[in-house]
Structure formats: structure tokens, C-alpha cells
Amino acid sequence: MFLDEVEFKVKGGDGGNGVVSFRREKYIDMGGPDGGDGGDGGNVILKVDEGLNTLSDFRYQKYREAGRGTHGSGSNKHGRNGEDLILMVPPGTVVYNADSAELMADLTDDGQEFIAAHGGKGGKGNARFKKPTRKAPRFAEQGETGEIVNLRLELKLLADVGLLGFPNVGKSTLISSVSEAKPKIASYHFTTLKPNLGVVSIGEYHSFVMADIPGLIEGAHQGIGLGDEFLRHIERTRLLIHVIDVSGIEGREPVKDFHLINNELAKYNERLASRPQLVALNKIDIQQAEENIVRVTEELKKEGYEVYPISAVTHQGVNDLIYRVGEILAELPEEELPEIEDGMVMITPDFDEEESLEIKRLNGDLYQIKGELVDEYVQKTDFNNEDSVKRLLRVLHHHGLGKLMKNAGVQEGDTVQIGPMEFDYIE
């Protein structure tokens, strides 16, 4: 089945814990700490596979997690890094943060990768903390938690040319007559329920990709009919072919239909409405079309459009249209994609940055220490290990915690909350 929008949650793998260990071997004095680091958690990576054309693989599994790093061990053995989770997506996938609606990535090229959720860093073993004034550190870091992100993926088909028009005007018949695409064709509205792509060859060395977009009706930009979910597929095209049923056998007015569809494009996206358009007056093989061809052609030419009477069934006039498409595409620039920052960068505060800490008064004598620095080190701290907790307090003190509390009016005997623990403040 075709699916062009999906939401799900991803989580980078957790980092493994560092370990507290000491070298103990016979006849070796002062063995010292030899606790290894934990392995880094795996990343969740989106990778483009040009063989895919739908997001349906993500329909049911709403949570995916990369592998976690293993814990370190003695003898300075580091834990293994967690395995990356690679999720294959079709070209044309646009990645958003579902919570903030932030555009994260625009994936178009085969093999292109984007890290959607970073794995947590592994904690350092106690061997890392040995120094002349601390020869036997009895603490280690815990691994960081992997990043959690709610993703929304949108699929926008990558095509040079988009066919648009009301339902049942012959778009599917046209794409099937000029390419190897085999869309379902029947004489009722909304035969096409999902976009179809076809490669159209011009001579031996030139070709372009054409997209047959499901029929639009008045109010499509508001979700009426098949709705604006398919309008997005035209956004990537460089040229539009507006297909009109010039026969009028369904009692519709061709010129009125033309303006209704263009009005829907303008309401959905002005940039899309400004795309170059060629007009294909289809079904000229039907007798009722004869009285409309001249009139409709003249009206639309007065508005500045190039008009091509065709029959997608008999192929009459189709070659002229296709060769003209090739000429125009050769002159049009490639679609410029929005610039995306290459992932998120986490900046670790310097020791001089007191802004990385803040203190909040919860009630009378209870204060809470908050900030990015606290979040980072609380993750790494084993609160069951007294030495590890002392190290956390030393780090925060080095960042100006004492001065911060004094300026906030914290008094001796007040309670200070840091992470899951509470401490009595002593000057």
C-alpha cells in the first residue's frame, strides 16, 4: 500500500557504564585503577533507498531503538559500541520533528544518510580519573541516555513533470502511453488513489520523470476529495502539464475547470502556482471535442499558455507535447532544496560559564539546582556510589555553585535538590 506521511518515535541507544576496578596481581605493587569505559550507544539513521516509493514500512511499529553500548570491565577493557539502527526511506522523504514541527532533513539522493537520534556517550571508567592527587578513584561515570525524538516523515515524489487536472481527464492514460508506468485506468473518478511515476524517454540519451497525481477538485487545498495530501507531490516538479478533458462529455466547462485547479494550487502554495505550465487538451478523438478545441485553445493562448491538443488513447499530438517538455526542462534550473543544518550540535559549557547553572526556589527552604550542566552530569552519576556523588558536587562547585547559592540567599540548613537527591546546605 502507498503511505506518504507517518509519525513514530526513535531513540538512540544508551551508552554503557564505566566500571570501577583495580588491578590486583601477585607480585605487582600499586596496581592502580583499571576500569574501562562503557561503549557508546548506536545512532538511529535514516538512509535513502531509491528502490522504495512508500513509507508503509513505518505504519505499525511506532517505536524504534538503536543498540545500547555494553558496560566497561576491568583490565581497561572498554565496552562495545551499540549497533546503529538504519531505517531505509524512499527518495523525497522530508523529516520533521513531530513535537516542534522543525524541518530536520530533506532526503533526496540514493544512499544519503541523516542521524535522526544520537546515541548516548559511554561513561568513563575509573582509570580515566587517576591523577597524582587521586591515585585510587573509586567512582566511574554512567552512560548517557540516548536521544529520543518524535519524527514525522513526509514523502514528496521526485519528478520533473507533474500531471494535474480534474479526475478522469486522462492523466493515467497519458503517462501509460509515454512511459512504462502501468497505472490502474477506469472510467470513474478517483481511479488513481496514489501517485504513479514513469520515466519518459526522448531519443536515446535523454529522459525525464513524470508523475501522475490523483485528480484534484475544488477545495482540495482544504482536504476536500483526496485533499492536499497529494498536492505536496507536485511541489518538487519543475514543470506542470495541465490536462483538460476538452470533449466536455461529462458536462463540464474546460476553461472553468482549468481556472478552478489553478486556484487550488495558488491557495495551497503560491510558489507552486507559479510553476511553468503546458496545457494538454485531451480526448480530441471524441467527436464532441471538435467544437471546443478552437475556442479553448484561443482563450488559454490569450492568457499566455502553450496549448497542445492531444489524444492519450490514439497518441495523436502526444509526441509534440513530449518533445516540447524536453526543451523546457533543458532550460529550467534544478529545484533548490531548503538548507538543512547537519544535525544538532551539543556544546559542553566551559568552567567559566555560570549561566549553565540556575537555582530555583521551590518553597520556603527547598531549592532546586537546574541547567544543562546538571542534566549532563546527573546522567553520568551513580547515586549509589558516595565517591561518584562527591565528584558531582565537586564539578558543580567548580562551575560556581557556591557563589550561585550565596547570591540566591540559600541559608545554612536549607535543602538543595540536585537530580534525584537532596542535600543539606552547609556553609
Protein backbone atom coordinates (compact mmCIF):
# COMPACT_ATOMS: atom_id res chain seq x y z
CA MET A 1 0.00 0.00 0.00
CA PHE A 2 1.05 3.59 -0.53
CA LEU A 3 1.66 5.75 2.52
CA ASP A 4 3.08 9.24 2.27
CA GLU A 5 3.00 10.54 5.86
CA VAL A 6 3.79 8.77 9.12
CA GLU A 7 4.77 9.57 12.71
CA PHE A 8 6.79 7.41 15.08
CA LYS A 9 9.31 7.67 17.92
CA VAL A 10 13.00 6.79 17.73
CA LYS A 11 15.60 6.51 20.46
CA GLY A 12 19.36 6.39 20.24
CA GLY A 13 20.99 3.58 22.19
CA ASP A 14 22.03 4.25 25.77
CA GLY A 15 25.72 4.46 26.50
CA GLY A 16 27.28 1.70 28.60
CA ASN A 17 28.51 2.42 32.12
CA GLY A 18 32.14 2.87 33.01
CA VAL A 19 33.38 0.49 35.69
CA VAL A 20 35.24 0.81 38.98
CA SER A 21 38.03 -1.74 39.01
CA PHE A 22 41.55 -2.08 40.42
CA ARG A 23 44.40 -4.17 39.13
CA ARG A 24 45.23 -6.93 41.57
CA GLU A 25 48.03 -9.26 40.53
CA LYS A 26 50.52 -11.18 42.59
CA TYR A 27 53.94 -9.52 42.94
CA ILE A 28 52.68 -6.28 41.36
CA ASP A 29 52.53 -3.39 43.80
CA MET A 30 50.40 -0.29 43.35
CA GLY A 31 48.38 -1.84 40.54
CA GLY A 32 46.05 1.09 40.43
CA PRO A 33 42.64 1.62 38.76
CA ASP A 34 41.94 -0.26 35.53
CA GLY A 35 38.20 0.24 35.00
CA GLY A 36 37.31 0.52 31.30
CA ASP A 37 34.87 2.89 29.59
CA GLY A 38 31.37 1.96 28.53
CA GLY A 39 30.60 1.73 24.82
CA ASP A 40 28.69 4.47 23.00
CA GLY A 41 25.05 3.86 22.12
CA GLY A 42 24.11 3.38 18.48
CA ASN A 43 22.52 6.13 16.36
CA VAL A 44 19.18 5.93 14.58
CA ILE A 45 19.96 6.68 10.94
CA LEU A 46 17.57 7.35 8.06
CA LYS A 47 19.06 6.21 4.74
CA VAL A 48 17.66 6.70 1.26
CA ASP A 49 16.94 3.63 -0.88
CA GLU A 50 15.92 4.56 -4.41
CA GLY A 51 14.10 1.23 -4.72
CA LEU A 52 11.44 2.36 -2.23
CA ASN A 53 8.44 4.53 -3.06
CA THR A 54 6.33 4.40 0.12
CA LEU A 55 6.58 4.89 3.88
CA SER A 56 4.29 1.95 4.60
CA ASP A 57 7.06 0.04 6.42
CA PHE A 58 6.67 2.52 9.29
CA ARG A 59 2.91 2.20 9.59
CA TYR A 60 2.62 -0.20 12.51
CA GLN A 61 5.87 -0.12 14.52
CA LYS A 62 5.68 3.20 16.34
CA TYR A 63 8.85 2.90 18.45
CA ARG A 64 12.35 2.00 17.31
CA GLU A 65 15.56 1.98 19.30
CA ALA A 66 19.21 1.60 18.39
CA GLY A 67 21.53 -0.81 20.22
CA ARG A 68 22.94 0.19 23.57
CA GLY A 69 26.64 0.20 24.41
CA THR A 70 27.91 -2.51 26.73
CA HIS A 71 29.49 -1.73 30.08
CA GLY A 72 33.24 -1.47 30.55
CA SER A 73 35.15 -4.03 32.58
CA GLY A 74 38.42 -4.44 34.44
CA SER A 75 41.86 -4.62 32.81
CA ASN A 76 40.99 -1.39 30.94
CA LYS A 77 38.54 -3.22 28.69
CA HIS A 78 36.10 -0.86 27.02
CA GLY A 79 32.54 -1.88 26.26
CA ARG A 80 31.38 -2.44 22.68
CA ASN A 81 29.54 0.37 20.93
CA GLY A 82 25.86 -0.25 20.27
CA GLU A 83 24.77 -1.06 16.73
CA ASP A 84 23.29 1.74 14.66
CA LEU A 85 19.67 1.30 13.64
CA ILE A 86 19.42 2.07 9.92
CA LEU A 87 15.92 2.78 8.63
CA MET A 88 15.53 2.80 4.84
CA VAL A 89 13.33 5.53 3.36
CA PRO A 90 12.39 6.43 -0.22
CA PRO A 91 13.93 9.43 -2.01
CA GLY A 92 11.86 12.53 -1.45
CA THR A 93 11.41 11.91 2.28
CA VAL A 94 11.21 15.09 4.35
CA VAL A 95 11.93 14.69 8.06
CA TYR A 96 10.26 16.86 10.71
CA ASN A 97 10.38 16.92 14.49
CA ALA A 98 6.77 15.99 15.25
CA ASP A 99 6.75 17.96 18.52
CA SER A 100 8.21 21.27 17.30
CA ALA A 101 7.40 20.97 13.54
CA GLU A 102 11.10 21.78 12.90
CA LEU A 103 12.41 20.73 9.49
CA MET A 104 15.28 18.35 10.23
CA ALA A 105 16.32 16.86 6.88
CA ASP A 106 15.36 16.63 3.22
CA LEU A 107 16.47 13.27 1.83
CA THR A 108 16.64 13.06 -1.94
CA ASP A 109 19.71 11.15 -3.15
CA ASP A 110 20.22 7.39 -3.09
CA GLY A 111 22.45 6.45 -0.15
CA GLN A 112 22.03 9.81 1.61
CA GLU A 113 22.01 9.43 5.41
CA PHE A 114 20.72 11.50 8.31
CA ILE A 115 21.17 10.82 12.03
CA ALA A 116 17.68 11.21 13.46
CA ALA A 117 18.59 10.33 17.06
CA HIS A 118 22.10 10.24 18.51
CA GLY A 119 23.21 7.50 20.84
CA GLY A 120 24.38 8.34 24.35
CA LYS A 121 28.08 8.53 25.13
CA GLY A 122 29.56 5.74 27.17
CA GLY A 123 30.60 6.55 30.74
CA LYS A 124 34.28 6.77 31.68
CA GLY A 125 35.82 4.07 33.84
CA ASN A 126 37.73 4.93 36.98
CA ALA A 127 41.05 4.57 35.17
CA ARG A 128 40.22 7.86 33.44
CA PHE A 129 40.15 9.74 36.74
CA LYS A 130 43.54 8.75 38.07
CA LYS A 131 45.89 11.67 38.72
CA PRO A 132 48.78 12.43 41.10
CA THR A 133 46.45 13.72 43.80
CA ARG A 134 43.89 10.93 43.32
CA LYS A 135 45.62 7.59 42.77
CA ALA A 136 42.69 5.36 43.63
CA PRO A 137 39.42 6.86 42.31
CA ARG A 138 36.50 4.77 43.47
CA PHE A 139 33.93 6.16 41.08
CA ALA A 140 33.09 5.90 37.40
CA GLU A 141 30.59 7.55 35.07
CA GLN A 142 27.31 6.05 33.98
CA GLY A 143 26.46 6.06 30.30
CA GLU A 144 24.32 8.83 28.86
CA THR A 145 20.76 8.15 27.77
CA GLY A 146 20.20 8.05 24.02
CA GLU A 147 18.35 10.92 22.34
CA ILE A 148 14.59 10.46 21.98
CA VAL A 149 12.86 12.13 19.02
CA ASN A 150 9.30 12.04 17.73
CA LEU A 151 9.60 12.02 13.94
CA ARG A 152 7.13 12.90 11.23
CA LEU A 153 8.11 11.75 7.76
CA GLU A 154 6.52 13.17 4.63
CA LEU A 155 7.08 11.75 1.18
CA LYS A 156 7.24 14.16 -1.72
CA LEU A 157 7.69 12.41 -5.04
CA LEU A 158 10.75 13.40 -7.02
CA ALA A 159 9.60 14.07 -10.55
CA ASP A 160 10.49 16.59 -13.24
CA VAL A 161 6.96 16.88 -14.58
CA GLY A 162 3.63 16.64 -12.78
CA LEU A 163 0.30 15.91 -14.43
CA LEU A 164 -2.61 17.71 -12.84
CA GLY A 165 -6.26 18.16 -13.56
CA PHE A 166 -9.70 17.03 -12.52
CA PRO A 167 -10.42 13.32 -12.02
CA ASN A 168 -10.97 11.24 -15.14
CA VAL A 169 -9.43 13.72 -17.61
CA GLY A 170 -6.92 11.10 -18.87
CA LYS A 171 -3.77 11.69 -16.83
CA SER A 172 -3.21 7.99 -16.16
CA THR A 173 -3.80 7.14 -19.81
CA LEU A 174 -1.26 9.78 -20.85
CA ILE A 175 1.51 8.56 -18.53
CA SER A 176 0.90 4.96 -19.55
CA SER A 177 1.18 5.91 -23.24
CA VAL A 178 4.56 7.68 -22.90
CA SER A 179 6.27 5.53 -20.25
CA GLU A 180 6.36 2.03 -18.80
CA ALA A 181 4.13 3.03 -15.89
CA LYS A 182 1.07 0.80 -15.54
CA PRO A 183 -1.48 2.76 -13.51
CA LYS A 184 -4.99 1.48 -12.99
CA ILE A 185 -7.26 3.02 -15.63
CA ALA A 186 -11.05 3.00 -15.46
CA SER A 187 -13.90 5.32 -16.44
CA TYR A 188 -14.78 6.55 -12.96
CA HIS A 189 -13.50 9.33 -10.73
CA PHE A 190 -10.55 8.74 -8.41
CA THR A 191 -9.30 5.65 -10.22
CA THR A 192 -5.85 6.88 -9.23
CA LEU A 193 -5.56 6.73 -5.45
CA LYS A 194 -1.78 7.02 -5.26
CA PRO A 195 0.73 8.91 -7.40
CA ASN A 196 2.42 6.98 -10.20
CA LEU A 197 5.89 7.66 -11.60
CA GLY A 198 7.01 6.97 -15.14
CA VAL A 199 10.27 7.56 -17.00
CA VAL A 200 9.70 9.21 -20.36
CA SER A 201 12.47 8.79 -22.97
CA ILE A 202 13.25 11.42 -25.58
CA GLY A 203 15.51 9.85 -28.17
CA GLU A 204 18.33 7.58 -26.99
CA TYR A 205 20.08 9.76 -24.42
CA HIS A 206 17.50 12.00 -22.74
CA SER A 207 14.67 11.23 -20.37
CA PHE A 208 12.64 12.76 -17.57
CA VAL A 209 10.42 11.54 -14.74
CA MET A 210 6.69 12.21 -14.95
CA ALA A 211 4.26 11.93 -12.02
CA ASP A 212 0.59 11.14 -12.42
CA ILE A 213 -1.03 12.92 -9.47
CA PRO A 214 -4.52 11.84 -8.31
CA GLY A 215 -7.26 14.13 -9.55
CA LEU A 216 -7.92 17.38 -7.74
CA ILE A 217 -11.26 19.02 -7.13
CA GLU A 218 -12.41 22.36 -5.82
CA GLY A 219 -11.48 22.68 -2.15
CA ALA A 220 -8.54 20.25 -2.38
CA HIS A 221 -6.25 22.67 -0.51
CA GLN A 222 -8.61 22.27 2.48
CA GLY A 223 -8.54 18.48 2.29
CA ILE A 224 -11.70 18.01 0.23
CA GLY A 225 -11.73 14.98 -2.08
CA LEU A 226 -8.35 13.29 -1.93
CA GLY A 227 -7.21 16.50 -0.31
CA ASP A 228 -3.96 18.39 0.00
CA GLU A 229 -2.07 15.23 0.97
CA PHE A 230 -1.35 14.77 -2.74
CA LEU A 231 -0.75 18.43 -3.57
CA ARG A 232 2.62 18.11 -1.84
CA HIS A 233 3.76 15.69 -4.52
CA ILE A 234 3.61 18.41 -7.16
CA GLU A 235 5.85 20.71 -5.10
CA ARG A 236 9.06 19.03 -6.29
CA THR A 237 8.21 19.18 -10.00
CA ARG A 238 9.79 21.77 -12.26
CA LEU A 239 7.07 21.77 -14.92
CA LEU A 240 3.34 21.08 -14.84
CA ILE A 241 1.18 19.63 -17.60
CA HIS A 242 -2.40 20.67 -17.01
CA VAL A 243 -4.61 18.02 -18.59
CA ILE A 244 -8.11 19.12 -19.61
CA ASP A 245 -10.96 16.99 -20.96
CA VAL A 246 -11.77 19.14 -23.96
CA SER A 247 -14.63 16.89 -25.05
CA GLY A 248 -16.91 18.10 -22.25
CA ILE A 249 -18.73 14.76 -22.30
CA GLU A 250 -19.26 14.93 -18.53
CA GLY A 251 -20.97 18.29 -18.83
CA ARG A 252 -18.01 20.28 -17.50
CA GLU A 253 -16.64 23.53 -18.89
CA PRO A 254 -12.92 23.01 -19.78
CA VAL A 255 -11.78 26.61 -19.21
CA LYS A 256 -13.62 26.86 -15.90
CA ASP A 257 -12.03 23.60 -14.73
CA PHE A 258 -8.61 24.94 -15.71
CA HIS A 259 -9.03 28.04 -13.55
CA LEU A 260 -10.50 26.10 -10.62
CA ILE A 261 -7.46 23.81 -10.43
CA ASN A 262 -5.01 26.71 -10.68
CA ASN A 263 -6.92 28.46 -7.92
CA GLU A 264 -6.41 25.39 -5.71
CA LEU A 265 -2.67 25.48 -6.44
CA ALA A 266 -2.43 29.16 -5.52
CA LYS A 267 -4.31 28.64 -2.23
CA TYR A 268 -2.07 25.72 -1.33
CA ASN A 269 1.28 27.21 -2.35
CA GLU A 270 1.90 30.38 -4.38
CA ARG A 271 5.32 29.12 -5.38
CA LEU A 272 3.72 26.00 -6.80
CA ALA A 273 1.16 28.04 -8.73
CA SER A 274 3.99 29.97 -10.41
CA ARG A 275 5.49 26.80 -11.94
CA PRO A 276 5.58 26.80 -15.77
CA GLN A 277 2.51 25.05 -17.23
CA LEU A 278 1.76 23.46 -20.52
CA VAL A 279 -1.89 22.72 -21.33
CA ALA A 280 -2.86 19.37 -22.85
CA LEU A 281 -6.37 19.38 -24.36
CA ASN A 282 -7.07 15.66 -24.10
CA LYS A 283 -9.70 13.42 -25.75
CA ILE A 284 -9.65 15.20 -29.13
CA ASP A 285 -10.50 11.80 -30.66
CA ILE A 286 -14.05 12.17 -29.28
CA GLN A 287 -16.44 13.88 -31.69
CA GLN A 288 -17.83 16.33 -29.10
CA ALA A 289 -14.32 17.82 -28.69
CA GLU A 290 -14.26 19.43 -32.13
CA GLU A 291 -16.45 22.38 -31.18
CA ASN A 292 -14.37 23.14 -28.05
CA ILE A 293 -10.78 22.79 -29.33
CA VAL A 294 -10.54 26.10 -31.21
CA ARG A 295 -12.38 28.13 -28.54
CA VAL A 296 -10.46 26.72 -25.57
CA THR A 297 -7.12 26.99 -27.38
CA GLU A 298 -7.72 30.64 -28.21
CA GLU A 299 -8.84 31.56 -24.68
CA LEU A 300 -5.86 29.93 -22.99
CA LYS A 301 -3.33 31.24 -25.51
CA LYS A 302 -4.61 34.76 -24.77
CA GLU A 303 -3.66 34.10 -21.13
CA GLY A 304 -0.13 33.18 -22.21
CA TYR A 305 -0.27 29.38 -22.09
CA GLU A 306 1.11 26.95 -24.64
CA VAL A 307 -1.71 24.62 -25.67
CA TYR A 308 -1.36 21.13 -27.19
CA PRO A 309 -4.44 19.24 -28.41
CA ILE A 310 -3.80 15.52 -27.85
CA SER A 311 -5.40 12.13 -27.59
CA ALA A 312 -3.72 9.95 -24.98
CA VAL A 313 -5.59 6.94 -26.42
CA THR A 314 -4.60 7.31 -30.08
CA HIS A 315 -1.31 9.13 -29.30
CA GLN A 316 -2.28 11.99 -31.62
CA GLY A 317 -0.29 15.14 -30.77
CA VAL A 318 1.47 13.45 -27.82
CA ASN A 319 4.95 13.47 -29.39
CA ASP A 320 4.80 17.23 -29.96
CA LEU A 321 3.89 17.74 -26.31
CA ILE A 322 6.64 15.45 -25.01
CA TYR A 323 9.39 16.99 -27.13
CA ARG A 324 8.32 20.46 -26.00
CA VAL A 325 8.53 19.26 -22.39
CA GLY A 326 12.10 18.11 -23.03
CA GLU A 327 13.06 21.50 -24.47
CA ILE A 328 11.64 23.39 -21.48
CA LEU A 329 13.26 21.09 -18.90
CA ALA A 330 16.64 21.62 -20.54
CA GLU A 331 16.28 25.34 -19.80
CA LEU A 332 14.80 25.14 -16.30
CA PRO A 333 17.12 25.02 -13.25
CA GLU A 334 17.00 22.12 -10.82
CA GLU A 335 14.71 22.66 -7.84
CA GLU A 336 16.59 24.27 -4.94
CA LEU A 337 16.02 22.40 -1.69
CA PRO A 338 15.95 24.22 1.64
CA GLU A 339 19.22 24.26 3.52
CA ILE A 340 19.26 21.89 6.48
CA GLU A 341 21.74 22.12 9.32
CA ASP A 342 23.81 18.95 9.53
CA GLY A 343 22.33 17.62 12.75
CA MET A 344 22.24 19.11 16.21
CA VAL A 345 25.46 20.11 17.97
CA MET A 346 25.64 19.79 21.75
CA ILE A 347 28.06 22.31 23.24
CA THR A 348 29.52 21.42 26.61
CA PRO A 349 29.78 24.56 28.78
CA ASP A 350 33.21 25.80 29.83
CA PHE A 351 34.08 26.05 33.51
CA ASP A 352 33.65 29.83 33.31
CA GLU A 353 30.03 29.68 32.17
CA GLU A 354 27.97 30.17 35.31
CA GLU A 355 24.90 30.57 33.09
CA SER A 356 24.94 26.76 32.67
CA LEU A 357 23.57 26.53 36.23
CA GLU A 358 20.48 28.08 37.71
CA ILE A 359 18.80 27.83 41.10
CA LYS A 360 15.06 27.78 41.66
CA ARG A 361 13.26 28.17 44.99
CA LEU A 362 10.52 25.53 45.25
CA ASN A 363 9.18 26.58 48.66
CA GLY A 364 10.38 28.06 51.96
CA ASP A 365 13.71 26.29 52.49
CA LEU A 366 13.82 23.97 49.46
CA TYR A 367 15.90 24.93 46.42
CA GLN A 368 16.48 23.11 43.13
CA ILE A 369 19.65 23.29 41.05
CA LYS A 370 18.88 23.08 37.32
CA GLY A 371 20.59 23.60 33.98
CA GLU A 372 22.16 21.72 31.08
CA LEU A 373 25.29 21.06 33.11
CA VAL A 374 23.25 19.43 35.88
CA ASP A 375 21.31 17.31 33.38
CA GLU A 376 24.53 16.12 31.78
CA TYR A 377 26.33 15.14 34.97
CA VAL A 378 23.30 13.71 36.76
CA GLN A 379 23.03 11.16 33.94
CA LYS A 380 26.64 10.16 34.50
CA THR A 381 26.44 9.94 38.29
CA ASP A 382 25.84 6.70 40.18
CA PHE A 383 23.94 7.98 43.22
CA ASN A 384 24.53 4.68 44.99
CA ASN A 385 28.26 5.41 44.97
CA GLU A 386 29.33 8.01 47.55
CA ASP A 387 32.53 8.87 45.66
CA SER A 388 30.55 9.39 42.46
CA VAL A 389 28.16 11.78 44.23
CA LYS A 390 31.10 13.69 45.72
CA ARG A 391 32.57 14.05 42.25
CA LEU A 392 29.26 15.55 41.01
CA LEU A 393 29.34 18.13 43.80
CA ARG A 394 32.99 18.99 43.06
CA VAL A 395 32.18 19.57 39.39
CA LEU A 396 29.22 21.82 40.22
CA HIS A 397 31.29 23.71 42.76
CA HIS A 398 33.96 24.24 40.11
CA HIS A 399 31.25 25.82 37.95
CA GLY A 400 30.41 28.35 40.64
CA LEU A 401 27.60 26.59 42.50
CA GLY A 402 28.69 28.01 45.88
CA LYS A 403 28.62 31.60 44.65
CA LEU A 404 25.31 31.00 42.89
CA MET A 405 23.63 29.69 46.06
CA LYS A 406 25.01 32.54 48.14
CA ASN A 407 23.64 35.10 45.68
CA ALA A 408 20.27 33.30 45.73
CA GLY A 409 20.07 33.65 49.51
CA VAL A 410 20.38 29.98 50.40
CA GLN A 411 20.96 29.71 54.16
CA GLU A 412 22.77 27.06 56.19
CA GLY A 413 20.37 24.20 56.91
CA ASP A 414 18.28 24.79 53.76
CA THR A 415 17.65 21.79 51.50
CA VAL A 416 19.17 21.74 48.00
CA GLN A 417 17.81 19.32 45.40
CA ILE A 418 20.18 18.09 42.66
CA GLY A 419 18.79 15.41 40.38
CA PRO A 420 17.12 12.68 42.47
CA MET A 421 18.91 13.61 45.72
CA GLU A 422 18.51 16.28 48.38
CA PHE A 423 21.38 17.77 50.42
CA ASP A 424 21.53 19.96 53.50
CA TYR A 425 23.41 23.15 52.70
CA ILE A 426 26.41 23.78 55.00
CA GLU A 427 28.49 26.92 54.54
